Amino acid sequence: MIKCVILDDELLAISYLKLLCEQIEDVEVVKAFNDPKIFLSEIDNIDCNLCILDIEMPGMTGLQVAEIISGSKKIIFTTAYKEYAAEAFDLNVVDYVRKPIKKERLIQAFEKAKELVDLPHKKDLIEWNTNIGRTVIFTEQIAYIKTSDIDSRDKDIILNDGTTIVLKNLSFKTLLEMLPSKDFAQVNKKEIIALSSIKVFSTNEIISTIQSEGDNFLKLQIGEAYKHSLMERFGK
């Protein structure tokens, strides 16, 4: 769900933009402002994840506002002036929409925003039923994942400190969709490794940093179906 706040010095522009937003699924306009200073005084206390900012405003431009809030909010710029485009993208905003705004173009901007708003959750944690109840696991703490020896429908997650947590009734396909793809790789039909846990690798085998029996380290055999994608990940 996109919860957005609108800032535009023209009341008619705000009304029109709110009307368009109301026609778009999973978008809610939480509040609208026509004064940048009032907007800045209140924005930190508003539950929203996106701000739609007009660039050309008296007293303070949308670009100046964006410089203040871009670290905490996603931003879509709106303006009637094309010459601001380069400056807008220098601020790493979601999108830059020219006025007069069309519904189809606004939908495109919101689609980009949804991807970016959802991304942090995917990067940071996963939540699932486990052997200790409903559990939130931070992905940066995961070293290795394997199919459970007791029930193949379950998956054992081994954390960096050696703790094992059992994810109940979860397929590898669904699990991989929950994990940040840049940080994890499936090695064979039964094992996933965090890239940070790889010590060395060859075309057939990965030696991890995970302690096994004695002074040995856990070794994983690379399945034929996974060799090509793994070598591409490693730039080979």
Protein backbone atom coordinates (compact mmCIF):
# COMPACT_ATOMS: atom_id res chain seq x y z
CA MET A 1 0.00 0.00 0.00
CA ILE A 2 1.25 3.45 -0.96
CA LYS A 3 0.40 6.10 1.63
CA CYS A 4 1.23 9.43 0.08
CA VAL A 5 1.31 13.09 1.03
CA ILE A 6 0.86 15.80 -1.60
CA LEU A 7 2.63 19.16 -1.61
CA ASP A 8 1.61 21.72 -4.23
CA ASP A 9 1.06 25.46 -3.85
CA GLU A 10 -2.01 25.37 -6.15
CA LEU A 11 -5.24 24.12 -4.54
CA LEU A 12 -6.74 23.12 -7.89
CA ALA A 13 -3.67 21.02 -8.65
CA ILE A 14 -4.01 19.28 -5.27
CA SER A 15 -7.71 18.53 -5.87
CA TYR A 16 -6.99 17.11 -9.32
CA LEU A 17 -4.11 14.97 -8.07
CA LYS A 18 -6.19 13.62 -5.17
CA LEU A 19 -8.95 12.72 -7.62
CA LEU A 20 -6.49 10.75 -9.78
CA CYS A 21 -4.99 8.98 -6.76
CA GLU A 22 -8.43 7.89 -5.55
CA GLN A 23 -8.88 6.02 -8.84
CA ILE A 24 -5.67 4.01 -8.43
CA GLU A 25 -5.64 0.75 -6.50
CA ASP A 26 -3.52 0.46 -3.31
CA VAL A 27 -2.90 4.22 -3.15
CA GLU A 28 -4.12 6.38 -0.28
CA VAL A 29 -3.69 10.14 0.05
CA VAL A 30 -3.05 10.68 3.75
CA LYS A 31 -2.78 14.48 3.68
CA ALA A 32 -2.16 17.40 1.33
CA PHE A 33 -0.31 20.69 1.85
CA ASN A 34 0.00 23.91 -0.14
CA ASP A 35 2.78 25.40 2.04
CA PRO A 36 6.28 23.83 2.08
CA LYS A 37 7.11 25.13 5.56
CA ILE A 38 3.97 23.63 7.14
CA PHE A 39 4.63 20.41 5.21
CA LEU A 40 8.16 20.16 6.65
CA SER A 41 6.96 20.91 10.18
CA GLU A 42 4.47 18.00 10.07
CA ILE A 43 5.88 15.36 7.71
CA ASP A 44 7.90 13.48 10.36
CA ASN A 45 4.72 12.79 12.33
CA ILE A 46 2.66 11.53 9.37
CA ASP A 47 2.37 7.82 8.56
CA CYS A 48 3.32 7.83 4.89
CA ASN A 49 5.93 6.27 2.61
CA LEU A 50 5.75 8.57 -0.43
CA CYS A 51 5.60 12.31 -1.04
CA ILE A 52 4.39 13.89 -4.27
CA LEU A 53 6.11 17.26 -4.55
CA ASP A 54 5.51 20.08 -6.97
CA ILE A 55 8.87 21.58 -7.94
CA GLU A 56 7.96 25.18 -8.73
CA MET A 57 6.58 26.81 -5.55
CA PRO A 58 7.04 30.30 -4.10
CA GLY A 59 9.43 30.66 -1.20
CA MET A 60 10.80 27.10 -1.29
CA THR A 61 11.04 24.76 -4.26
CA GLY A 62 10.21 21.07 -4.28
CA LEU A 63 13.88 20.37 -4.94
CA GLN A 64 14.83 22.09 -1.68
CA VAL A 65 12.14 20.17 0.19
CA ALA A 66 13.36 16.91 -1.32
CA GLU A 67 16.91 17.52 -0.14
CA ILE A 68 15.57 17.60 3.43
CA ILE A 69 13.28 14.53 3.34
CA SER A 70 14.81 12.24 0.67
CA GLY A 71 16.57 10.14 3.30
CA SER A 72 13.29 9.09 4.93
CA LYS A 73 10.61 9.29 2.22
CA LYS A 74 10.29 8.19 -1.40
CA ILE A 75 9.57 11.11 -3.73
CA ILE A 76 7.69 11.71 -6.97
CA PHE A 77 8.16 15.15 -8.51
CA THR A 78 5.47 16.92 -10.52
CA THR A 79 6.09 20.04 -12.60
CA ALA A 80 5.08 21.84 -15.75
CA TYR A 81 8.72 22.67 -16.51
CA LYS A 82 10.90 20.10 -18.25
CA GLU A 83 14.16 21.89 -17.42
CA TYR A 84 14.10 20.50 -13.86
CA ALA A 85 14.33 16.86 -14.93
CA ALA A 86 18.10 16.50 -14.56
CA GLU A 87 18.15 18.13 -11.12
CA ALA A 88 15.26 15.93 -9.99
CA PHE A 89 17.01 12.68 -10.87
CA ASP A 90 20.22 13.86 -9.25
CA LEU A 91 18.25 13.55 -5.99
CA ASN A 92 17.54 9.86 -6.74
CA VAL A 93 13.76 10.28 -6.70
CA VAL A 94 11.26 7.62 -7.78
CA ASP A 95 9.94 9.48 -10.80
CA TYR A 96 9.42 12.86 -12.49
CA VAL A 97 5.90 13.46 -13.88
CA ARG A 98 5.16 16.35 -16.21
CA LYS A 99 2.00 18.41 -15.86
CA PRO A 100 -0.73 18.16 -16.98
CA ILE A 101 -0.66 14.80 -15.19
CA LYS A 102 -2.35 11.85 -16.86
CA LYS A 103 -3.70 8.91 -14.86
CA GLU A 104 -1.74 6.33 -16.90
CA ARG A 105 1.53 8.18 -16.29
CA LEU A 106 0.80 8.49 -12.58
CA ILE A 107 0.11 4.75 -12.38
CA GLN A 108 3.57 4.10 -13.85
CA ALA A 109 5.15 6.29 -11.19
CA PHE A 110 3.26 4.50 -8.41
CA GLU A 111 4.35 1.10 -9.75
CA LYS A 112 7.98 2.20 -9.44
CA ALA A 113 7.29 3.48 -5.94
CA LYS A 114 5.67 0.20 -4.84
CA GLU A 115 8.77 -1.75 -5.83
CA LEU A 116 11.01 0.56 -3.80
CA VAL A 117 8.66 0.70 -0.80
CA ASP A 118 8.41 -3.12 -0.65
CA LEU A 119 12.15 -3.65 -1.13
CA PRO A 120 13.38 -2.84 2.38
CA HIS A 121 11.12 -5.49 3.91
CA LYS A 122 12.44 -8.08 1.53
CA LYS A 123 16.01 -7.11 2.26
CA ASP A 124 15.77 -6.97 6.03
CA LEU A 125 13.71 -9.88 7.31
CA ILE A 126 11.47 -12.84 6.72
CA GLU A 127 8.51 -13.90 8.87
CA TRP A 128 7.18 -17.48 9.02
CA ASN A 129 5.87 -20.23 11.31
CA THR A 130 8.79 -22.07 12.90
CA ASN A 131 9.50 -24.66 15.57
CA ILE A 132 9.40 -21.81 18.11
CA GLY A 133 6.21 -20.16 16.80
CA ARG A 134 5.69 -17.25 14.45
CA THR A 135 9.19 -15.86 14.04
CA VAL A 136 10.87 -12.85 12.44
CA ILE A 137 14.38 -13.60 11.17
CA PHE A 138 16.76 -10.90 9.96
CA THR A 139 18.26 -12.14 6.70
CA GLU A 140 21.72 -10.77 7.47
CA GLN A 141 21.88 -13.32 10.31
CA ILE A 142 21.28 -16.31 8.01
CA ALA A 143 24.35 -18.35 7.02
CA TYR A 144 22.85 -21.44 5.41
CA ILE A 145 19.51 -23.13 4.66
CA LYS A 146 18.79 -26.79 3.97
CA THR A 147 15.85 -29.15 3.61
CA SER A 148 15.02 -30.70 6.97
CA ASP A 149 16.18 -34.29 7.49
CA ILE A 150 13.02 -34.98 9.53
CA ASP A 151 10.37 -33.57 7.16
CA SER A 152 11.26 -32.45 3.62
CA ARG A 153 8.44 -29.89 3.70
CA ASP A 154 10.37 -28.01 6.40
CA LYS A 155 13.58 -26.00 6.00
CA ASP A 156 16.40 -25.66 8.54
CA ILE A 157 17.90 -22.17 8.81
CA ILE A 158 21.36 -22.02 10.36
CA LEU A 159 22.22 -18.60 11.71
CA ASN A 160 25.69 -17.07 11.88
CA ASP A 161 26.02 -18.04 15.56
CA GLY A 162 25.13 -21.69 14.86
CA THR A 163 21.51 -21.50 16.02
CA THR A 164 19.10 -23.65 13.98
CA ILE A 165 15.50 -22.57 13.36
CA VAL A 166 13.05 -24.80 11.47
CA LEU A 167 10.72 -23.09 8.98
CA LYS A 168 7.53 -25.15 8.82
CA ASN A 169 5.99 -26.28 5.53
CA LEU A 170 7.79 -23.86 3.20
CA SER A 171 8.99 -24.54 -0.35
CA PHE A 172 12.37 -23.38 -1.63
CA LYS A 173 10.59 -21.41 -4.36
CA THR A 174 8.61 -19.37 -1.83
CA LEU A 175 11.62 -19.00 0.45
CA LEU A 176 13.82 -17.67 -2.35
CA GLU A 177 11.15 -15.09 -3.20
CA MET A 178 11.31 -13.88 0.42
CA LEU A 179 15.11 -13.62 0.53
CA PRO A 180 17.13 -10.79 -1.07
CA SER A 181 18.42 -12.40 -4.29
CA LYS A 182 21.72 -10.53 -4.22
CA ASP A 183 22.67 -12.14 -0.89
CA PHE A 184 21.65 -15.80 -1.36
CA ALA A 185 22.07 -18.56 -3.94
CA GLN A 186 20.55 -22.02 -4.29
CA VAL A 187 23.35 -24.57 -4.62
CA ASN A 188 21.33 -27.75 -5.25
CA LYS A 189 17.81 -29.07 -4.70
CA LYS A 190 18.24 -29.14 -0.94
CA GLU A 191 20.56 -26.27 0.00
CA ILE A 192 20.79 -22.46 -0.12
CA ILE A 193 23.89 -20.56 0.97
CA ALA A 194 24.38 -16.95 1.99
CA LEU A 195 27.07 -15.53 -0.30
CA SER A 196 28.78 -14.10 2.78
CA SER A 197 29.25 -17.68 4.04
CA ILE A 198 31.28 -18.84 1.03
CA LYS A 199 35.00 -19.37 1.66
CA VAL A 200 36.08 -20.87 -1.69
CA PHE A 201 34.34 -22.55 -4.61
CA SER A 202 35.01 -24.62 -7.70
CA THR A 203 32.74 -25.75 -10.54
CA ASN A 204 31.53 -28.65 -8.39
CA GLU A 205 31.88 -27.64 -4.76
CA ILE A 206 31.54 -24.78 -2.31
CA ILE A 207 33.50 -24.68 0.92
CA SER A 208 31.73 -22.49 3.43
CA THR A 209 32.85 -20.59 6.51
CA ILE A 210 30.43 -22.70 8.58
CA GLN A 211 32.11 -25.00 11.11
CA SER A 212 31.31 -28.68 10.60
CA GLU A 213 32.70 -31.67 12.50
CA GLY A 214 35.98 -31.00 14.26
CA ASP A 215 37.99 -28.30 12.54
CA ASN A 216 36.37 -28.92 9.16
CA PHE A 217 34.16 -26.52 7.26
CA LEU A 218 30.80 -27.40 5.69
CA LYS A 219 31.10 -28.40 2.01
CA LEU A 220 28.23 -28.16 -0.46
CA GLN A 221 28.00 -30.01 -3.77
CA ILE A 222 26.82 -27.82 -6.65
CA GLY A 223 23.96 -29.40 -8.59
CA GLU A 224 24.19 -29.55 -12.38
CA ALA A 225 21.06 -27.43 -12.81
CA TYR A 226 22.59 -24.64 -10.69
CA LYS A 227 26.16 -24.48 -12.01
CA HIS A 228 25.57 -21.98 -14.79
CA SER A 229 23.67 -19.44 -12.66
CA LEU A 230 26.18 -19.76 -9.82
CA MET A 231 29.15 -19.20 -12.11
CA GLU A 232 27.41 -16.13 -13.52
CA ARG A 233 26.90 -14.83 -9.97
CA PHE A 234 30.62 -15.22 -9.35
CA GLY A 235 31.57 -13.58 -12.65
CA LYS A 236 32.83 -16.79 -14.24
